[in-house]
Amino acid sequence: MCQTLLRKSLDDVCRLQKRQLAGFILLFFSEIGCILWLGRISEIHPLDIPKMVVAAMFFVLVSMVYVAMALAWLLSCMTKKVLSAIKLASKT
């Protein structure tokens, strides 16, 4: 019973890690896109303050989501390691 629950938990964490990695890569490219968009807006019309503020707010929002996603990915890695250690300890 314990073995099946542990195996299911480990499989769930592995599946979640794969989805998080895909999301992390997607957010990375969107972050790069935001940086390029912010640079483009500042070059085109430097006196258009409202557009610049909206672009900066969007950049900060995407940056915060990116950092949160990185933390979630790190936590799932640690969870996987803990579950693997429990599995190895239960086998001995």
N, C-alpha and C. Protein backbone atom coordinates (compact mmCIF):
# COMPACT_ATOMS: atom_id res chain seq x y z
N MET A 1 0.82 -1.19 0.00
CA MET A 1 0.00 0.00 0.00
C MET A 1 0.87 1.26 0.00
N CYS A 2 1.86 1.29 0.91
CA CYS A 2 2.75 2.46 0.99
C CYS A 2 3.57 2.61 -0.27
N GLN A 3 4.02 1.48 -0.80
CA GLN A 3 4.84 1.52 -2.02
C GLN A 3 4.07 2.11 -3.19
N THR A 4 2.81 1.74 -3.33
CA THR A 4 2.02 2.26 -4.45
C THR A 4 1.75 3.75 -4.28
N LEU A 5 1.48 4.17 -3.05
CA LEU A 5 1.28 5.61 -2.82
C LEU A 5 2.56 6.40 -3.09
N LEU A 6 3.68 5.85 -2.66
CA LEU A 6 4.95 6.52 -2.89
C LEU A 6 5.27 6.57 -4.38
N ARG A 7 5.04 5.49 -5.08
CA ARG A 7 5.30 5.46 -6.54
C ARG A 7 4.39 6.43 -7.28
N LYS A 8 3.12 6.51 -6.85
CA LYS A 8 2.18 7.43 -7.48
C LYS A 8 2.61 8.88 -7.23
N SER A 9 3.04 9.18 -6.01
CA SER A 9 3.49 10.53 -5.69
C SER A 9 4.73 10.90 -6.51
N LEU A 10 5.64 9.96 -6.63
CA LEU A 10 6.85 10.21 -7.41
C LEU A 10 6.53 10.43 -8.88
N ASP A 11 5.60 9.64 -9.42
CA ASP A 11 5.19 9.81 -10.81
C ASP A 11 4.50 11.16 -11.03
N ASP A 12 3.68 11.57 -10.06
CA ASP A 12 3.01 12.87 -10.15
C ASP A 12 4.01 14.02 -10.16
N VAL A 13 5.02 13.91 -9.33
CA VAL A 13 6.04 14.96 -9.27
C VAL A 13 6.83 15.00 -10.58
N CYS A 14 7.15 13.85 -11.14
CA CYS A 14 7.88 13.80 -12.42
C CYS A 14 7.06 14.43 -13.54
N ARG A 15 5.77 14.12 -13.57
CA ARG A 15 4.89 14.68 -14.59
C ARG A 15 4.78 16.20 -14.42
N LEU A 16 4.64 16.64 -13.19
CA LEU A 16 4.56 18.08 -12.90
C LEU A 16 5.85 18.78 -13.30
N GLN A 17 6.98 18.14 -13.08
CA GLN A 17 8.27 18.74 -13.44
C GLN A 17 8.38 18.96 -14.93
N LYS A 18 7.89 18.02 -15.71
CA LYS A 18 7.96 18.16 -17.17
C LYS A 18 7.11 19.35 -17.64
N ARG A 19 5.92 19.49 -17.06
CA ARG A 19 5.07 20.62 -17.41
C ARG A 19 5.68 21.94 -16.96
N GLN A 20 6.29 21.92 -15.79
CA GLN A 20 6.91 23.14 -15.28
C GLN A 20 8.10 23.55 -16.14
N LEU A 21 8.86 22.59 -16.62
CA LEU A 21 9.99 22.90 -17.47
C LEU A 21 9.52 23.55 -18.77
N ALA A 22 8.44 23.02 -19.34
CA ALA A 22 7.89 23.62 -20.56
C ALA A 22 7.40 25.04 -20.29
N GLY A 23 6.74 25.24 -19.17
CA GLY A 23 6.29 26.58 -18.80
C GLY A 23 7.45 27.51 -18.53
N PHE A 24 8.49 27.00 -17.92
CA PHE A 24 9.67 27.80 -17.62
C PHE A 24 10.33 28.28 -18.90
N ILE A 25 10.44 27.40 -19.88
CA ILE A 25 11.03 27.78 -21.17
C ILE A 25 10.17 28.81 -21.88
N LEU A 26 8.86 28.60 -21.86
CA LEU A 26 7.93 29.55 -22.47
C LEU A 26 8.02 30.92 -21.81
N LEU A 27 8.08 30.94 -20.49
CA LEU A 27 8.21 32.21 -19.77
C LEU A 27 9.55 32.88 -20.05
N PHE A 28 10.60 32.09 -20.24
CA PHE A 28 11.90 32.66 -20.54
C PHE A 28 11.85 33.43 -21.86
N PHE A 29 11.25 32.80 -22.88
CA PHE A 29 11.16 33.47 -24.17
C PHE A 29 10.22 34.67 -24.13
N SER A 30 9.17 34.59 -23.33
CA SER A 30 8.29 35.75 -23.21
C SER A 30 9.00 36.88 -22.47
N GLU A 31 9.86 36.54 -21.54
CA GLU A 31 10.66 37.55 -20.83
C GLU A 31 11.61 38.26 -21.81
N ILE A 32 12.25 37.49 -22.66
CA ILE A 32 13.13 38.08 -23.68
C ILE A 32 12.32 38.96 -24.63
N GLY A 33 11.12 38.48 -25.00
CA GLY A 33 10.24 39.28 -25.85
C GLY A 33 9.84 40.59 -25.19
N CYS A 34 9.57 40.55 -23.90
CA CYS A 34 9.23 41.78 -23.16
C CYS A 34 10.40 42.76 -23.15
N ILE A 35 11.59 42.25 -22.96
CA ILE A 35 12.77 43.12 -22.96
C ILE A 35 12.94 43.78 -24.33
N LEU A 36 12.79 42.98 -25.38
CA LEU A 36 12.92 43.55 -26.73
C LEU A 36 11.80 44.54 -27.03
N TRP A 37 10.59 44.24 -26.59
CA TRP A 37 9.45 45.13 -26.81
C TRP A 37 9.65 46.45 -26.06
N LEU A 38 10.15 46.36 -24.84
CA LEU A 38 10.41 47.56 -24.05
C LEU A 38 11.48 48.42 -24.72
N GLY A 39 12.52 47.79 -25.24
CA GLY A 39 13.56 48.54 -25.95
C GLY A 39 13.03 49.18 -27.22
N ARG A 40 12.17 48.47 -27.92
CA ARG A 40 11.59 49.00 -29.17
C ARG A 40 10.69 50.20 -28.90
N ILE A 41 9.88 50.11 -27.86
CA ILE A 41 8.99 51.23 -27.52
C ILE A 41 9.80 52.45 -27.12
N SER A 42 10.87 52.24 -26.36
CA SER A 42 11.67 53.39 -25.93
C SER A 42 12.43 54.03 -27.09
N GLU A 43 12.75 53.25 -28.13
CA GLU A 43 13.45 53.82 -29.29
C GLU A 43 12.50 54.56 -30.23
N ILE A 44 11.30 54.04 -30.41
CA ILE A 44 10.36 54.60 -31.38
C ILE A 44 9.90 56.00 -30.98
N HIS A 45 9.40 56.10 -29.78
CA HIS A 45 8.85 57.38 -29.36
C HIS A 45 9.17 57.59 -27.88
N PRO A 46 10.30 58.16 -27.57
CA PRO A 46 10.72 58.26 -26.17
C PRO A 46 9.83 59.15 -25.30
N LEU A 47 9.01 59.99 -25.90
CA LEU A 47 8.17 60.89 -25.11
C LEU A 47 6.78 60.32 -24.83
N ASP A 48 6.50 59.12 -25.31
CA ASP A 48 5.20 58.50 -25.07
C ASP A 48 5.22 57.77 -23.72
N ILE A 49 5.04 58.55 -22.66
CA ILE A 49 5.17 58.04 -21.29
C ILE A 49 4.12 56.98 -20.96
N PRO A 50 2.84 57.16 -21.29
CA PRO A 50 1.86 56.12 -20.92
C PRO A 50 2.17 54.75 -21.53
N LYS A 51 2.62 54.72 -22.77
CA LYS A 51 2.97 53.46 -23.40
C LYS A 51 4.19 52.84 -22.70
N MET A 52 5.12 53.67 -22.33
CA MET A 52 6.32 53.19 -21.65
C MET A 52 5.98 52.62 -20.27
N VAL A 53 5.07 53.26 -19.56
CA VAL A 53 4.67 52.78 -18.23
C VAL A 53 3.96 51.43 -18.35
N VAL A 54 3.07 51.30 -19.32
CA VAL A 54 2.37 50.03 -19.52
C VAL A 54 3.36 48.93 -19.87
N ALA A 55 4.31 49.23 -20.73
CA ALA A 55 5.31 48.23 -21.10
C ALA A 55 6.16 47.84 -19.90
N ALA A 56 6.54 48.80 -19.08
CA ALA A 56 7.35 48.50 -17.90
C ALA A 56 6.55 47.66 -16.89
N MET A 57 5.27 47.97 -16.72
CA MET A 57 4.43 47.20 -15.80
C MET A 57 4.28 45.76 -16.30
N PHE A 58 4.10 45.60 -17.61
CA PHE A 58 4.00 44.26 -18.19
C PHE A 58 5.30 43.49 -17.98
N PHE A 59 6.42 44.15 -18.15
CA PHE A 59 7.72 43.52 -17.94
C PHE A 59 7.89 43.07 -16.50
N VAL A 60 7.49 43.91 -15.56
CA VAL A 60 7.60 43.55 -14.14
C VAL A 60 6.68 42.37 -13.81
N LEU A 61 5.48 42.38 -14.36
CA LEU A 61 4.55 41.28 -14.12
C LEU A 61 5.10 39.96 -14.64
N VAL A 62 5.61 39.96 -15.86
CA VAL A 62 6.17 38.73 -16.43
C VAL A 62 7.41 38.30 -15.64
N SER A 63 8.19 39.26 -15.18
CA SER A 63 9.38 38.92 -14.38
C SER A 63 8.98 38.26 -13.08
N MET A 64 7.94 38.76 -12.44
CA MET A 64 7.49 38.17 -11.18
C MET A 64 6.96 36.75 -11.39
N VAL A 65 6.23 36.54 -12.46
CA VAL A 65 5.72 35.20 -12.77
C VAL A 65 6.89 34.26 -13.07
N TYR A 66 7.90 34.77 -13.75
CA TYR A 66 9.08 33.97 -14.09
C TYR A 66 9.80 33.52 -12.82
N VAL A 67 9.96 34.43 -11.88
CA VAL A 67 10.63 34.08 -10.62
C VAL A 67 9.79 33.09 -9.82
N ALA A 68 8.48 33.29 -9.78
CA ALA A 68 7.60 32.35 -9.07
C ALA A 68 7.66 30.97 -9.71
N MET A 69 7.70 30.93 -11.03
CA MET A 69 7.80 29.65 -11.74
C MET A 69 9.13 28.96 -11.44
N ALA A 70 10.19 29.73 -11.36
CA ALA A 70 11.50 29.17 -11.04
C ALA A 70 11.50 28.57 -9.62
N LEU A 71 10.86 29.25 -8.69
CA LEU A 71 10.78 28.73 -7.33
C LEU A 71 9.93 27.46 -7.27
N ALA A 72 8.84 27.43 -8.00
CA ALA A 72 7.99 26.24 -8.03
C ALA A 72 8.76 25.06 -8.63
N TRP A 73 9.54 25.33 -9.66
CA TRP A 73 10.33 24.27 -10.29
C TRP A 73 11.38 23.74 -9.31
N LEU A 74 12.02 24.64 -8.58
CA LEU A 74 13.01 24.23 -7.58
C LEU A 74 12.36 23.39 -6.48
N LEU A 75 11.19 23.80 -6.03
CA LEU A 75 10.50 23.03 -5.00
C LEU A 75 10.10 21.64 -5.49
N SER A 76 9.69 21.53 -6.73
CA SER A 76 9.33 20.21 -7.25
C SER A 76 10.57 19.32 -7.39
N CYS A 77 11.71 19.92 -7.72
CA CYS A 77 12.96 19.14 -7.76
C CYS A 77 13.30 18.59 -6.38
N MET A 78 13.16 19.43 -5.37
CA MET A 78 13.46 18.99 -4.01
C MET A 78 12.46 17.94 -3.55
N THR A 79 11.20 18.09 -3.91
CA THR A 79 10.19 17.10 -3.56
C THR A 79 10.52 15.76 -4.19
N LYS A 80 10.95 15.79 -5.44
CA LYS A 80 11.31 14.55 -6.13
C LYS A 80 12.49 13.88 -5.43
N LYS A 81 13.47 14.67 -5.01
CA LYS A 81 14.62 14.09 -4.32
C LYS A 81 14.22 13.48 -2.98
N VAL A 82 13.34 14.15 -2.25
CA VAL A 82 12.89 13.63 -0.96
C VAL A 82 12.10 12.33 -1.16
N LEU A 83 11.20 12.31 -2.14
CA LEU A 83 10.43 11.10 -2.40
C LEU A 83 11.34 9.95 -2.86
N SER A 84 12.35 10.26 -3.63
CA SER A 84 13.30 9.22 -4.05
C SER A 84 14.08 8.68 -2.86
N ALA A 85 14.46 9.56 -1.96
CA ALA A 85 15.18 9.13 -0.77
C ALA A 85 14.29 8.26 0.12
N ILE A 86 13.02 8.63 0.24
CA ILE A 86 12.09 7.81 1.03
C ILE A 86 11.93 6.44 0.39
N LYS A 87 11.85 6.41 -0.93
CA LYS A 87 11.69 5.14 -1.64
C LYS A 87 12.91 4.24 -1.41
N LEU A 88 14.11 4.84 -1.52
CA LEU A 88 15.32 4.06 -1.29
C LEU A 88 15.43 3.58 0.15
N ALA A 89 15.02 4.44 1.08
CA ALA A 89 15.09 4.05 2.49
C ALA A 89 14.07 2.95 2.81
N SER A 90 12.94 2.97 2.14
CA SER A 90 11.94 1.94 2.43
C SER A 90 12.31 0.59 1.83
N LYS A 91 13.17 0.58 0.83
CA LYS A 91 13.60 -0.69 0.21
C LYS A 91 14.60 -1.42 1.08
N THR A 92 15.36 -0.71 1.89
CA THR A 92 16.38 -1.37 2.71
C THR A 92 15.86 -1.85 4.03
